[in-house]
Amino acid sequence: MTVAVVVLSTALVIVVALLAAACAAKLARLDGATYPTALTRAAVAFAAVITIAATATSVFATLLI
């Protein structure tokens, strides 16, 4: 049961990060950015979501254990 929860929550975080990256790239393109710039902004957004999720997991693990 615990393994399933970890796998599903990891998948959810990755999906949310991909959606944030896609939205960042689309907004950058609508703003007139070139494709490399839009890709860079998407990568930064993806990394930010993953970093926030890792930080939140670390904080929760520290508080709950």
PDB file of N, CA and C in Angstrom:
ATOM      1  N   MET A   1       0.822  -1.195   0.000  1.00  0.00           N
ATOM      2  CA  MET A   1       0.000   0.000   0.000  1.00  0.00           C
ATOM      3  C   MET A   1       0.859   1.248   0.000  1.00  0.00           C
ATOM      4  N   THR A   2       1.905   1.272   0.829  1.00  0.00           N
ATOM      5  CA  THR A   2       2.756   2.453   0.929  1.00  0.00           C
ATOM      6  C   THR A   2       3.504   2.710  -0.374  1.00  0.00           C
ATOM      7  N   VAL A   3       3.965   1.651  -1.021  1.00  0.00           N
ATOM      8  CA  VAL A   3       4.683   1.806  -2.286  1.00  0.00           C
ATOM      9  C   VAL A   3       3.763   2.396  -3.343  1.00  0.00           C
ATOM     10  N   ALA A   4       2.515   1.953  -3.363  1.00  0.00           N
ATOM     11  CA  ALA A   4       1.558   2.474  -4.335  1.00  0.00           C
ATOM     12  C   ALA A   4       1.304   3.963  -4.119  1.00  0.00           C
ATOM     13  N   VAL A   5       1.217   4.387  -2.878  1.00  0.00           N
ATOM     14  CA  VAL A   5       0.998   5.801  -2.576  1.00  0.00           C
ATOM     15  C   VAL A   5       2.193   6.629  -3.017  1.00  0.00           C
ATOM     16  N   VAL A   6       3.380   6.143  -2.784  1.00  0.00           N
ATOM     17  CA  VAL A   6       4.589   6.865  -3.192  1.00  0.00           C
ATOM     18  C   VAL A   6       4.664   6.977  -4.709  1.00  0.00           C
ATOM     19  N   VAL A   7       4.386   5.901  -5.410  1.00  0.00           N
ATOM     20  CA  VAL A   7       4.438   5.913  -6.868  1.00  0.00           C
ATOM     21  C   VAL A   7       3.377   6.857  -7.434  1.00  0.00           C
ATOM     22  N   LEU A   8       2.170   6.788  -6.910  1.00  0.00           N
ATOM     23  CA  LEU A   8       1.107   7.667  -7.410  1.00  0.00           C
ATOM     24  C   LEU A   8       1.370   9.133  -7.108  1.00  0.00           C
ATOM     25  N   SER A   9       1.893   9.428  -5.936  1.00  0.00           N
ATOM     26  CA  SER A   9       2.187  10.825  -5.623  1.00  0.00           C
ATOM     27  C   SER A   9       3.349  11.344  -6.460  1.00  0.00           C
ATOM     28  N   THR A  10       4.329  10.497  -6.736  1.00  0.00           N
ATOM     29  CA  THR A  10       5.429  10.896  -7.617  1.00  0.00           C
ATOM     30  C   THR A  10       4.920  11.161  -9.025  1.00  0.00           C
ATOM     31  N   ALA A  11       4.047  10.311  -9.499  1.00  0.00           N
ATOM     32  CA  ALA A  11       3.469  10.522 -10.829  1.00  0.00           C
ATOM     33  C   ALA A  11       2.659  11.814 -10.878  1.00  0.00           C
ATOM     34  N   LEU A  12       1.935  12.103  -9.825  1.00  0.00           N
ATOM     35  CA  LEU A  12       1.156  13.336  -9.778  1.00  0.00           C
ATOM     36  C   LEU A  12       2.049  14.569  -9.802  1.00  0.00           C
ATOM     37  N   VAL A  13       3.136  14.528  -9.058  1.00  0.00           N
ATOM     38  CA  VAL A  13       4.071  15.664  -9.041  1.00  0.00           C
ATOM     39  C   VAL A  13       4.692  15.866 -10.423  1.00  0.00           C
ATOM     40  N   ILE A  14       5.047  14.785 -11.095  1.00  0.00           N
ATOM     41  CA  ILE A  14       5.640  14.899 -12.422  1.00  0.00           C
ATOM     42  C   ILE A  14       4.631  15.453 -13.419  1.00  0.00           C
ATOM     43  N   VAL A  15       3.391  15.022 -13.336  1.00  0.00           N
ATOM     44  CA  VAL A  15       2.360  15.536 -14.239  1.00  0.00           C
ATOM     45  C   VAL A  15       2.131  17.030 -14.002  1.00  0.00           C
ATOM     46  N   VAL A  16       2.075  17.435 -12.744  1.00  0.00           N
ATOM     47  CA  VAL A  16       1.901  18.853 -12.433  1.00  0.00           C
ATOM     48  C   VAL A  16       3.096  19.659 -12.929  1.00  0.00           C
ATOM     49  N   ALA A  17       4.302  19.129 -12.771  1.00  0.00           N
ATOM     50  CA  ALA A  17       5.493  19.824 -13.255  1.00  0.00           C
ATOM     51  C   ALA A  17       5.482  19.951 -14.776  1.00  0.00           C
ATOM     52  N   LEU A  18       5.057  18.912 -15.467  1.00  0.00           N
ATOM     53  CA  LEU A  18       4.974  18.979 -16.923  1.00  0.00           C
ATOM     54  C   LEU A  18       3.919  19.984 -17.376  1.00  0.00           C
ATOM     55  N   LEU A  19       2.792  20.027 -16.677  1.00  0.00           N
ATOM     56  CA  LEU A  19       1.763  21.013 -17.020  1.00  0.00           C
ATOM     57  C   LEU A  19       2.253  22.440 -16.785  1.00  0.00           C
ATOM     58  N   ALA A  20       2.966  22.660 -15.705  1.00  0.00           N
ATOM     59  CA  ALA A  20       3.520  23.988 -15.434  1.00  0.00           C
ATOM     60  C   ALA A  20       4.539  24.375 -16.502  1.00  0.00           C
ATOM     61  N   ALA A  21       5.353  23.422 -16.913  1.00  0.00           N
ATOM     62  CA  ALA A  21       6.341  23.696 -17.952  1.00  0.00           C
ATOM     63  C   ALA A  21       5.675  24.004 -19.289  1.00  0.00           C
ATOM     64  N   ALA A  22       4.636  23.255 -19.626  1.00  0.00           N
ATOM     65  CA  ALA A  22       3.925  23.509 -20.875  1.00  0.00           C
ATOM     66  C   ALA A  22       3.248  24.876 -20.866  1.00  0.00           C
ATOM     67  N   CYS A  23       2.669  25.231 -19.743  1.00  0.00           N
ATOM     68  CA  CYS A  23       2.036  26.556 -19.634  1.00  0.00           C
ATOM     69  C   CYS A  23       3.073  27.671 -19.717  1.00  0.00           C
ATOM     70  N   ALA A  24       4.222  27.475 -19.098  1.00  0.00           N
ATOM     71  CA  ALA A  24       5.275  28.487 -19.160  1.00  0.00           C
ATOM     72  C   ALA A  24       5.783  28.656 -20.584  1.00  0.00           C
ATOM     73  N   ALA A  25       5.946  27.559 -21.294  1.00  0.00           N
ATOM     74  CA  ALA A  25       6.399  27.648 -22.682  1.00  0.00           C
ATOM     75  C   ALA A  25       5.365  28.322 -23.562  1.00  0.00           C
ATOM     76  N   LYS A  26       4.104  27.987 -23.370  1.00  0.00           N
ATOM     77  CA  LYS A  26       3.043  28.595 -24.173  1.00  0.00           C
ATOM     78  C   LYS A  26       2.943  30.087 -23.907  1.00  0.00           C
ATOM     79  N   LEU A  27       3.008  30.470 -22.640  1.00  0.00           N
ATOM     80  CA  LEU A  27       2.955  31.894 -22.311  1.00  0.00           C
ATOM     81  C   LEU A  27       4.168  32.646 -22.857  1.00  0.00           C
ATOM     82  N   ALA A  28       5.327  31.997 -22.836  1.00  0.00           N
ATOM     83  CA  ALA A  28       6.519  32.636 -23.400  1.00  0.00           C
ATOM     84  C   ALA A  28       6.368  32.833 -24.900  1.00  0.00           C
ATOM     85  N   ARG A  29       5.819  31.828 -25.582  1.00  0.00           N
ATOM     86  CA  ARG A  29       5.618  31.965 -27.032  1.00  0.00           C
ATOM     87  C   ARG A  29       4.576  33.037 -27.351  1.00  0.00           C
ATOM     88  N   LEU A  30       3.522  33.117 -26.544  1.00  0.00           N
ATOM     89  CA  LEU A  30       2.520  34.163 -26.764  1.00  0.00           C
ATOM     90  C   LEU A  30       3.097  35.552 -26.526  1.00  0.00           C
ATOM     91  N   ASP A  31       4.117  35.617 -25.684  1.00  0.00           N
ATOM     92  CA  ASP A  31       4.771  36.885 -25.385  1.00  0.00           C
ATOM     93  C   ASP A  31       5.775  37.267 -26.465  1.00  0.00           C
ATOM     94  N   GLY A  32       6.021  36.369 -27.401  1.00  0.00           N
ATOM     95  CA  GLY A  32       6.917  36.675 -28.510  1.00  0.00           C
ATOM     96  C   GLY A  32       8.314  36.130 -28.350  1.00  0.00           C
ATOM     97  N   ALA A  33       8.524  35.238 -27.398  1.00  0.00           N
ATOM     98  CA  ALA A  33       9.855  34.666 -27.188  1.00  0.00           C
ATOM     99  C   ALA A  33      10.170  33.646 -28.280  1.00  0.00           C
ATOM    100  N   THR A  34      11.440  33.451 -28.525  1.00  0.00           N
ATOM    101  CA  THR A  34      11.857  32.440 -29.498  1.00  0.00           C
ATOM    102  C   THR A  34      11.685  31.052 -28.886  1.00  0.00           C
ATOM    103  N   TYR A  35      11.805  30.025 -29.727  1.00  0.00           N
ATOM    104  CA  TYR A  35      11.642  28.663 -29.232  1.00  0.00           C
ATOM    105  C   TYR A  35      12.695  28.274 -28.178  1.00  0.00           C
ATOM    106  N   PRO A  36      13.969  28.623 -28.378  1.00  0.00           N
ATOM    107  CA  PRO A  36      14.937  28.284 -27.322  1.00  0.00           C
ATOM    108  C   PRO A  36      14.649  28.984 -25.994  1.00  0.00           C
ATOM    109  N   THR A  37      14.198  30.230 -26.059  1.00  0.00           N
ATOM    110  CA  THR A  37      13.864  30.957 -24.835  1.00  0.00           C
ATOM    111  C   THR A  37      12.648  30.335 -24.163  1.00  0.00           C
ATOM    112  N   ALA A  38      11.652  29.961 -24.946  1.00  0.00           N
ATOM    113  CA  ALA A  38      10.462  29.321 -24.387  1.00  0.00           C
ATOM    114  C   ALA A  38      10.813  27.980 -23.750  1.00  0.00           C
ATOM    115  N   LEU A  39      11.712  27.246 -24.391  1.00  0.00           N
ATOM    116  CA  LEU A  39      12.143  25.961 -23.835  1.00  0.00           C
ATOM    117  C   LEU A  39      12.909  26.160 -22.530  1.00  0.00           C
ATOM    118  N   THR A  40      13.717  27.208 -22.476  1.00  0.00           N
ATOM    119  CA  THR A  40      14.452  27.511 -21.250  1.00  0.00           C
ATOM    120  C   THR A  40      13.497  27.866 -20.120  1.00  0.00           C
ATOM    121  N   ARG A  41      12.494  28.666 -20.418  1.00  0.00           N
ATOM    122  CA  ARG A  41      11.516  29.025 -19.390  1.00  0.00           C
ATOM    123  C   ARG A  41      10.728  27.809 -18.938  1.00  0.00           C
ATOM    124  N   ALA A  42      10.428  26.914 -19.856  1.00  0.00           N
ATOM    125  CA  ALA A  42       9.726  25.685 -19.489  1.00  0.00           C
ATOM    126  C   ALA A  42      10.592  24.821 -18.578  1.00  0.00           C
ATOM    127  N   ALA A  43      11.881  24.732 -18.890  1.00  0.00           N
ATOM    128  CA  ALA A  43      12.787  23.938 -18.056  1.00  0.00           C
ATOM    129  C   ALA A  43      12.922  24.527 -16.654  1.00  0.00           C
ATOM    130  N   VAL A  44      12.966  25.851 -16.578  1.00  0.00           N
ATOM    131  CA  VAL A  44      13.055  26.503 -15.266  1.00  0.00           C
ATOM    132  C   VAL A  44      11.789  26.242 -14.461  1.00  0.00           C
ATOM    133  N   ALA A  45      10.633  26.325 -15.103  1.00  0.00           N
ATOM    134  CA  ALA A  45       9.369  26.064 -14.405  1.00  0.00           C
ATOM    135  C   ALA A  45       9.294  24.612 -13.936  1.00  0.00           C
ATOM    136  N   PHE A  46       9.720  23.683 -14.777  1.00  0.00           N
ATOM    137  CA  PHE A  46       9.723  22.270 -14.400  1.00  0.00           C
ATOM    138  C   PHE A  46      10.630  22.036 -13.198  1.00  0.00           C
ATOM    139  N   ALA A  47      11.827  22.593 -13.254  1.00  0.00           N
ATOM    140  CA  ALA A  47      12.777  22.424 -12.152  1.00  0.00           C
ATOM    141  C   ALA A  47      12.262  23.067 -10.868  1.00  0.00           C
ATOM    142  N   ALA A  48      11.573  24.194 -10.997  1.00  0.00           N
ATOM    143  CA  ALA A  48      11.039  24.868  -9.812  1.00  0.00           C
ATOM    144  C   ALA A  48       9.969  24.019  -9.136  1.00  0.00           C
ATOM    145  N   VAL A  49       9.087  23.424  -9.908  1.00  0.00           N
ATOM    146  CA  VAL A  49       8.030  22.588  -9.325  1.00  0.00           C
ATOM    147  C   VAL A  49       8.631  21.360  -8.648  1.00  0.00           C
ATOM    148  N   ILE A  50       9.605  20.729  -9.286  1.00  0.00           N
ATOM    149  CA  ILE A  50      10.246  19.555  -8.698  1.00  0.00           C
ATOM    150  C   ILE A  50      10.982  19.940  -7.413  1.00  0.00           C
ATOM    151  N   THR A  51      11.635  21.102  -7.417  1.00  0.00           N
ATOM    152  CA  THR A  51      12.360  21.557  -6.232  1.00  0.00           C
ATOM    153  C   THR A  51      11.410  21.859  -5.086  1.00  0.00           C
ATOM    154  N   ILE A  52      10.308  22.517  -5.380  1.00  0.00           N
ATOM    155  CA  ILE A  52       9.321  22.821  -4.340  1.00  0.00           C
ATOM    156  C   ILE A  52       8.733  21.537  -3.767  1.00  0.00           C
ATOM    157  N   ALA A  53       8.450  20.567  -4.624  1.00  0.00           N
ATOM    158  CA  ALA A  53       7.914  19.289  -4.144  1.00  0.00           C
ATOM    159  C   ALA A  53       8.930  18.564  -3.268  1.00  0.00           C
ATOM    160  N   ALA A  54      10.203  18.586  -3.649  1.00  0.00           N
ATOM    161  CA  ALA A  54      11.232  17.933  -2.843  1.00  0.00           C
ATOM    162  C   ALA A  54      11.402  18.635  -1.499  1.00  0.00           C
ATOM    163  N   THR A  55      11.352  19.954  -1.505  1.00  0.00           N
ATOM    164  CA  THR A  55      11.479  20.706  -0.256  1.00  0.00           C
ATOM    165  C   THR A  55      10.297  20.432   0.668  1.00  0.00           C
ATOM    166  N   ALA A  56       9.100  20.440   0.106  1.00  0.00           N
ATOM    167  CA  ALA A  56       7.914  20.165   0.921  1.00  0.00           C
ATOM    168  C   ALA A  56       7.958  18.749   1.489  1.00  0.00           C
ATOM    169  N   THR A  57       8.415  17.797   0.699  1.00  0.00           N
ATOM    170  CA  THR A  57       8.541  16.422   1.179  1.00  0.00           C
ATOM    171  C   THR A  57       9.550  16.333   2.319  1.00  0.00           C
ATOM    172  N   SER A  58      10.648  17.035   2.178  1.00  0.00           N
ATOM    173  CA  SER A  58      11.659  17.038   3.237  1.00  0.00           C
ATOM    174  C   SER A  58      11.122  17.647   4.529  1.00  0.00           C
ATOM    175  N   VAL A  59      10.401  18.741   4.407  1.00  0.00           N
ATOM    176  CA  VAL A  59       9.834  19.396   5.594  1.00  0.00           C
ATOM    177  C   VAL A  59       8.802  18.488   6.262  1.00  0.00           C
ATOM    178  N   PHE A  60       7.914  17.884   5.469  1.00  0.00           N
ATOM    179  CA  PHE A  60       6.907  17.008   6.032  1.00  0.00           C
ATOM    180  C   PHE A  60       7.537  15.781   6.674  1.00  0.00           C
ATOM    181  N   ALA A  61       8.575  15.237   6.051  1.00  0.00           N
ATOM    182  CA  ALA A  61       9.236  14.074   6.630  1.00  0.00           C
ATOM    183  C   ALA A  61       9.897  14.434   7.963  1.00  0.00           C
ATOM    184  N   THR A  62      10.445  15.631   8.043  1.00  0.00           N
ATOM    185  CA  THR A  62      11.078  16.059   9.284  1.00  0.00           C
ATOM    186  C   THR A  62      10.030  16.264  10.380  1.00  0.00           C
ATOM    187  N   LEU A  63       8.897  16.819  10.033  1.00  0.00           N
ATOM    188  CA  LEU A  63       7.870  17.094  11.015  1.00  0.00           C
ATOM    189  C   LEU A  63       7.129  15.838  11.477  1.00  0.00           C
ATOM    190  N   LEU A  64       6.938  14.901  10.573  1.00  0.00           N
ATOM    191  CA  LEU A  64       6.110  13.738  10.901  1.00  0.00           C
ATOM    192  C   LEU A  64       6.897  12.566  11.486  1.00  0.00           C
ATOM    193  N   ILE A  65       8.201  12.585  11.336  1.00  0.00           N
ATOM    194  CA  ILE A  65       8.988  11.443  11.850  1.00  0.00           C
ATOM    195  C   ILE A  65       9.652  11.805  13.143  1.00  0.00           C
TER     196      ILE A  65
END
